[in-house]
Amino acid sequence: MITASAFAETDGNVWWKLAEACAQGAVYDSNERAPHSKCLPHTRESLLRDLYSLADDKKRKIVWIVGESGSGKSSVAYSFADHLHRTGNLAGTFFFSRKYAKR
């Protein structure tokens, strides 16, 4: 975390340059990705529960979701990220895209 005092002590331009280089559209709730695909109610409940359990494992730092094209990975990932965000446990996300070269 960057505190206001630490930001004031550094060259603020450095942080703006970093923000410009970041793939802002890669965050889970980016407007670039709207509309956000998510799991329909009462679907993939077992899988999502398993993911929530993995997130509670303090030894695990990354959860990687893999699967066939069109199998719903993005919907699962969004639903999982949204749950973590609502519970205050989301550290970061990166949603890849074929459409946008920066991500």
N, C-alpha and C. Protein backbone atom coordinates (compact mmCIF):
# COMPACT_ATOMS: atom_id res chain seq x y z
N MET A 1 0.85 -1.16 0.00
CA MET A 1 0.00 0.00 0.00
C MET A 1 0.90 1.23 0.00
N ILE A 2 0.48 2.22 -0.72
CA ILE A 2 1.23 3.48 -0.77
C ILE A 2 0.46 4.49 0.07
N THR A 3 1.12 5.03 1.06
CA THR A 3 0.48 6.03 1.91
C THR A 3 0.60 7.39 1.25
N ALA A 4 -0.24 8.32 1.69
CA ALA A 4 -0.21 9.68 1.14
C ALA A 4 1.15 10.33 1.38
N SER A 5 1.74 10.09 2.56
CA SER A 5 3.05 10.70 2.84
C SER A 5 4.13 10.11 1.95
N ALA A 6 4.07 8.80 1.70
CA ALA A 6 5.06 8.18 0.81
C ALA A 6 4.89 8.70 -0.60
N PHE A 7 3.66 8.90 -1.02
CA PHE A 7 3.40 9.43 -2.36
C PHE A 7 3.96 10.85 -2.47
N ALA A 8 3.76 11.65 -1.44
CA ALA A 8 4.25 13.03 -1.45
C ALA A 8 5.77 13.09 -1.49
N GLU A 9 6.42 12.10 -0.90
CA GLU A 9 7.88 12.08 -0.85
C GLU A 9 8.50 11.62 -2.16
N THR A 10 7.72 11.02 -3.03
CA THR A 10 8.25 10.53 -4.31
C THR A 10 7.82 11.46 -5.43
N ASP A 11 8.37 11.23 -6.56
CA ASP A 11 7.97 11.99 -7.74
C ASP A 11 6.62 11.44 -8.20
N GLY A 12 5.57 12.21 -8.03
CA GLY A 12 4.22 11.78 -8.40
C GLY A 12 4.11 11.37 -9.85
N ASN A 13 4.97 11.91 -10.71
CA ASN A 13 4.94 11.54 -12.13
C ASN A 13 5.26 10.07 -12.34
N VAL A 14 6.07 9.50 -11.47
CA VAL A 14 6.41 8.08 -11.58
C VAL A 14 5.15 7.24 -11.48
N TRP A 15 4.27 7.56 -10.55
CA TRP A 15 3.04 6.79 -10.36
C TRP A 15 2.09 6.97 -11.53
N TRP A 16 2.03 8.18 -12.10
CA TRP A 16 1.18 8.39 -13.27
C TRP A 16 1.70 7.60 -14.47
N LYS A 17 3.02 7.56 -14.63
CA LYS A 17 3.61 6.79 -15.74
C LYS A 17 3.29 5.30 -15.58
N LEU A 18 3.37 4.81 -14.34
CA LEU A 18 3.05 3.41 -14.08
C LEU A 18 1.58 3.14 -14.40
N ALA A 19 0.70 4.03 -13.99
CA ALA A 19 -0.73 3.86 -14.25
C ALA A 19 -1.03 3.83 -15.74
N GLU A 20 -0.31 4.64 -16.51
CA GLU A 20 -0.51 4.67 -17.96
C GLU A 20 -0.06 3.36 -18.61
N ALA A 21 0.96 2.73 -18.05
CA ALA A 21 1.48 1.49 -18.61
C ALA A 21 0.67 0.27 -18.20
N CYS A 22 -0.11 0.37 -17.14
CA CYS A 22 -0.89 -0.76 -16.65
C CYS A 22 -2.06 -1.06 -17.58
N ALA A 23 -2.44 -2.30 -17.64
CA ALA A 23 -3.59 -2.72 -18.44
C ALA A 23 -4.86 -2.54 -17.58
N GLN A 24 -5.37 -1.32 -17.56
CA GLN A 24 -6.52 -1.01 -16.71
C GLN A 24 -7.74 -1.89 -17.03
N GLY A 25 -7.88 -2.30 -18.27
CA GLY A 25 -9.01 -3.12 -18.65
C GLY A 25 -8.93 -4.55 -18.15
N ALA A 26 -7.83 -4.93 -17.51
CA ALA A 26 -7.65 -6.30 -17.06
C ALA A 26 -8.25 -6.55 -15.68
N VAL A 27 -8.63 -5.50 -14.96
CA VAL A 27 -9.22 -5.71 -13.64
C VAL A 27 -10.62 -6.30 -13.79
N TYR A 28 -11.08 -7.01 -12.79
CA TYR A 28 -12.29 -7.82 -12.95
C TYR A 28 -13.54 -7.00 -13.25
N ASP A 29 -13.63 -5.78 -12.74
CA ASP A 29 -14.86 -5.00 -12.94
C ASP A 29 -14.65 -3.82 -13.90
N SER A 30 -13.67 -3.96 -14.80
CA SER A 30 -13.36 -2.90 -15.76
C SER A 30 -14.54 -2.66 -16.71
N ASN A 31 -14.78 -1.40 -17.02
CA ASN A 31 -15.82 -1.07 -18.01
C ASN A 31 -15.46 -1.60 -19.39
N GLU A 32 -14.17 -1.80 -19.64
CA GLU A 32 -13.72 -2.34 -20.93
C GLU A 32 -14.26 -3.75 -21.15
N ARG A 33 -14.51 -4.46 -20.07
CA ARG A 33 -15.00 -5.84 -20.16
C ARG A 33 -16.52 -5.94 -20.07
N ALA A 34 -17.20 -4.83 -19.85
CA ALA A 34 -18.65 -4.85 -19.67
C ALA A 34 -19.34 -5.28 -20.97
N PRO A 35 -20.44 -5.99 -20.92
CA PRO A 35 -21.06 -6.49 -19.69
C PRO A 35 -20.26 -7.67 -19.13
N HIS A 36 -20.19 -7.73 -17.82
CA HIS A 36 -19.41 -8.76 -17.15
C HIS A 36 -20.18 -10.08 -17.15
N SER A 37 -19.55 -11.10 -17.68
CA SER A 37 -20.20 -12.42 -17.65
C SER A 37 -19.99 -13.00 -16.26
N LYS A 38 -21.03 -13.54 -15.69
CA LYS A 38 -20.92 -14.18 -14.38
C LYS A 38 -21.80 -15.41 -14.36
N CYS A 39 -21.56 -16.25 -13.38
CA CYS A 39 -22.35 -17.48 -13.27
C CYS A 39 -23.80 -17.14 -12.95
N LEU A 40 -24.70 -17.83 -13.59
CA LEU A 40 -26.11 -17.66 -13.28
C LEU A 40 -26.40 -18.20 -11.89
N PRO A 41 -27.44 -17.67 -11.24
CA PRO A 41 -27.78 -18.17 -9.89
C PRO A 41 -27.96 -19.69 -9.88
N HIS A 42 -27.43 -20.32 -8.86
CA HIS A 42 -27.55 -21.76 -8.62
C HIS A 42 -26.83 -22.61 -9.65
N THR A 43 -25.83 -22.02 -10.35
CA THR A 43 -25.01 -22.80 -11.27
C THR A 43 -23.57 -22.79 -10.76
N ARG A 44 -22.85 -23.84 -11.04
CA ARG A 44 -21.43 -23.97 -10.67
C ARG A 44 -21.19 -23.75 -9.18
N GLU A 45 -22.20 -24.03 -8.37
CA GLU A 45 -22.09 -23.78 -6.92
C GLU A 45 -20.98 -24.60 -6.28
N SER A 46 -20.85 -25.86 -6.67
CA SER A 46 -19.82 -26.72 -6.09
C SER A 46 -18.42 -26.20 -6.46
N LEU A 47 -18.24 -25.84 -7.72
CA LEU A 47 -16.96 -25.31 -8.17
C LEU A 47 -16.62 -24.02 -7.42
N LEU A 48 -17.58 -23.12 -7.29
CA LEU A 48 -17.33 -21.86 -6.58
C LEU A 48 -17.01 -22.10 -5.11
N ARG A 49 -17.69 -23.05 -4.48
CA ARG A 49 -17.37 -23.39 -3.08
C ARG A 49 -15.94 -23.90 -2.97
N ASP A 50 -15.53 -24.74 -3.94
CA ASP A 50 -14.15 -25.23 -3.95
C ASP A 50 -13.16 -24.07 -4.09
N LEU A 51 -13.47 -23.13 -4.94
CA LEU A 51 -12.59 -21.97 -5.12
C LEU A 51 -12.53 -21.12 -3.85
N TYR A 52 -13.68 -20.94 -3.18
CA TYR A 52 -13.68 -20.18 -1.93
C TYR A 52 -12.80 -20.87 -0.89
N SER A 53 -12.84 -22.20 -0.85
CA SER A 53 -12.00 -22.95 0.08
C SER A 53 -10.53 -22.76 -0.25
N LEU A 54 -10.20 -22.80 -1.54
CA LEU A 54 -8.81 -22.58 -1.95
C LEU A 54 -8.34 -21.19 -1.54
N ALA A 55 -9.22 -20.22 -1.65
CA ALA A 55 -8.85 -18.84 -1.29
C ALA A 55 -8.60 -18.71 0.21
N ASP A 56 -9.24 -19.55 1.01
CA ASP A 56 -9.04 -19.51 2.46
C ASP A 56 -7.73 -20.18 2.88
N ASP A 57 -7.12 -20.94 1.97
CA ASP A 57 -5.86 -21.62 2.26
C ASP A 57 -4.73 -20.58 2.28
N LYS A 58 -4.19 -20.30 3.45
CA LYS A 58 -3.17 -19.24 3.60
C LYS A 58 -1.87 -19.56 2.87
N LYS A 59 -1.64 -20.84 2.54
CA LYS A 59 -0.43 -21.22 1.83
C LYS A 59 -0.54 -20.94 0.33
N ARG A 60 -1.76 -20.84 -0.16
CA ARG A 60 -1.99 -20.66 -1.60
C ARG A 60 -1.99 -19.16 -1.90
N LYS A 61 -1.24 -18.77 -2.91
CA LYS A 61 -1.14 -17.36 -3.27
C LYS A 61 -1.88 -17.05 -4.57
N ILE A 62 -1.98 -18.04 -5.47
CA ILE A 62 -2.58 -17.83 -6.78
C ILE A 62 -3.57 -18.95 -7.06
N VAL A 63 -4.70 -18.61 -7.65
CA VAL A 63 -5.65 -19.60 -8.14
C VAL A 63 -5.70 -19.41 -9.64
N TRP A 64 -5.36 -20.45 -10.38
CA TRP A 64 -5.32 -20.40 -11.84
C TRP A 64 -6.46 -21.25 -12.37
N ILE A 65 -7.28 -20.67 -13.24
CA ILE A 65 -8.44 -21.38 -13.80
C ILE A 65 -8.14 -21.69 -15.25
N VAL A 66 -8.21 -22.97 -15.60
CA VAL A 66 -7.94 -23.40 -16.98
C VAL A 66 -9.11 -24.22 -17.50
N GLY A 67 -9.27 -24.24 -18.81
CA GLY A 67 -10.34 -25.03 -19.41
C GLY A 67 -10.44 -24.75 -20.89
N GLU A 68 -11.29 -25.50 -21.56
CA GLU A 68 -11.51 -25.35 -22.99
C GLU A 68 -12.10 -23.97 -23.30
N SER A 69 -11.87 -23.52 -24.51
CA SER A 69 -12.46 -22.27 -24.97
C SER A 69 -13.98 -22.35 -24.88
N GLY A 70 -14.59 -21.33 -24.31
CA GLY A 70 -16.05 -21.30 -24.20
C GLY A 70 -16.62 -22.11 -23.06
N SER A 71 -15.76 -22.63 -22.17
CA SER A 71 -16.25 -23.48 -21.07
C SER A 71 -16.76 -22.69 -19.87
N GLY A 72 -16.59 -21.36 -19.89
CA GLY A 72 -17.11 -20.54 -18.79
C GLY A 72 -16.05 -20.07 -17.80
N LYS A 73 -14.78 -20.14 -18.19
CA LYS A 73 -13.70 -19.72 -17.28
C LYS A 73 -13.87 -18.26 -16.85
N SER A 74 -14.18 -17.38 -17.80
CA SER A 74 -14.33 -15.96 -17.47
C SER A 74 -15.51 -15.73 -16.55
N SER A 75 -16.60 -16.43 -16.77
CA SER A 75 -17.77 -16.29 -15.89
C SER A 75 -17.45 -16.76 -14.48
N VAL A 76 -16.76 -17.89 -14.37
CA VAL A 76 -16.36 -18.41 -13.06
C VAL A 76 -15.38 -17.44 -12.40
N ALA A 77 -14.40 -16.98 -13.17
CA ALA A 77 -13.39 -16.08 -12.62
C ALA A 77 -14.03 -14.77 -12.14
N TYR A 78 -14.97 -14.22 -12.92
CA TYR A 78 -15.64 -12.99 -12.50
C TYR A 78 -16.45 -13.23 -11.23
N SER A 79 -17.22 -14.30 -11.19
CA SER A 79 -18.03 -14.60 -10.00
C SER A 79 -17.16 -14.79 -8.77
N PHE A 80 -16.03 -15.48 -8.94
CA PHE A 80 -15.08 -15.71 -7.86
C PHE A 80 -14.47 -14.38 -7.41
N ALA A 81 -14.00 -13.57 -8.36
CA ALA A 81 -13.40 -12.27 -8.03
C ALA A 81 -14.41 -11.36 -7.35
N ASP A 82 -15.65 -11.38 -7.83
CA ASP A 82 -16.69 -10.53 -7.23
C ASP A 82 -16.95 -10.93 -5.78
N HIS A 83 -16.99 -12.23 -5.52
CA HIS A 83 -17.17 -12.72 -4.14
C HIS A 83 -16.01 -12.25 -3.26
N LEU A 84 -14.78 -12.42 -3.76
CA LEU A 84 -13.62 -12.00 -2.98
C LEU A 84 -13.63 -10.49 -2.74
N HIS A 85 -14.04 -9.73 -3.74
CA HIS A 85 -14.12 -8.27 -3.59
C HIS A 85 -15.15 -7.90 -2.51
N ARG A 86 -16.32 -8.52 -2.58
CA ARG A 86 -17.38 -8.20 -1.60
C ARG A 86 -16.99 -8.57 -0.18
N THR A 87 -16.13 -9.59 -0.02
CA THR A 87 -15.71 -10.02 1.31
C THR A 87 -14.41 -9.35 1.75
N GLY A 88 -13.87 -8.45 0.91
CA GLY A 88 -12.65 -7.74 1.26
C GLY A 88 -11.39 -8.57 1.12
N ASN A 89 -11.44 -9.62 0.30
CA ASN A 89 -10.30 -10.53 0.17
C ASN A 89 -9.66 -10.55 -1.22
N LEU A 90 -10.07 -9.66 -2.09
CA LEU A 90 -9.51 -9.64 -3.44
C LEU A 90 -8.22 -8.86 -3.46
N ALA A 91 -7.12 -9.53 -3.80
CA ALA A 91 -5.82 -8.86 -3.87
C ALA A 91 -5.58 -8.32 -5.28
N GLY A 92 -5.97 -9.04 -6.29
CA GLY A 92 -5.76 -8.58 -7.65
C GLY A 92 -6.27 -9.58 -8.66
N THR A 93 -6.51 -9.11 -9.86
CA THR A 93 -6.95 -9.97 -10.96
C THR A 93 -6.28 -9.51 -12.24
N PHE A 94 -6.27 -10.38 -13.21
CA PHE A 94 -5.83 -10.00 -14.55
C PHE A 94 -6.62 -10.84 -15.53
N PHE A 95 -7.55 -10.21 -16.24
CA PHE A 95 -8.35 -10.90 -17.24
C PHE A 95 -7.71 -10.68 -18.61
N PHE A 96 -7.21 -11.76 -19.22
CA PHE A 96 -6.57 -11.68 -20.53
C PHE A 96 -7.63 -11.47 -21.60
N SER A 97 -7.19 -10.97 -22.77
CA SER A 97 -8.12 -10.74 -23.87
C SER A 97 -7.39 -10.88 -25.20
N ARG A 98 -8.03 -11.52 -26.14
CA ARG A 98 -7.49 -11.59 -27.50
C ARG A 98 -7.73 -10.26 -28.22
N LYS A 99 -8.80 -9.59 -27.82
CA LYS A 99 -9.23 -8.36 -28.50
C LYS A 99 -8.31 -7.18 -28.19
N TYR A 100 -7.76 -7.12 -26.99
CA TYR A 100 -6.94 -5.99 -26.57
C TYR A 100 -5.50 -6.46 -26.35
N ALA A 101 -4.59 -5.93 -27.16
CA ALA A 101 -3.20 -6.38 -27.14
C ALA A 101 -2.51 -6.14 -25.79
N LYS A 102 -2.91 -5.09 -25.05
CA LYS A 102 -2.28 -4.81 -23.76
C LYS A 102 -2.60 -5.87 -22.72
N ARG A 103 -3.63 -6.66 -22.94
CA ARG A 103 -3.92 -7.70 -21.98
C ARG A 103 -4.00 -9.06 -22.64
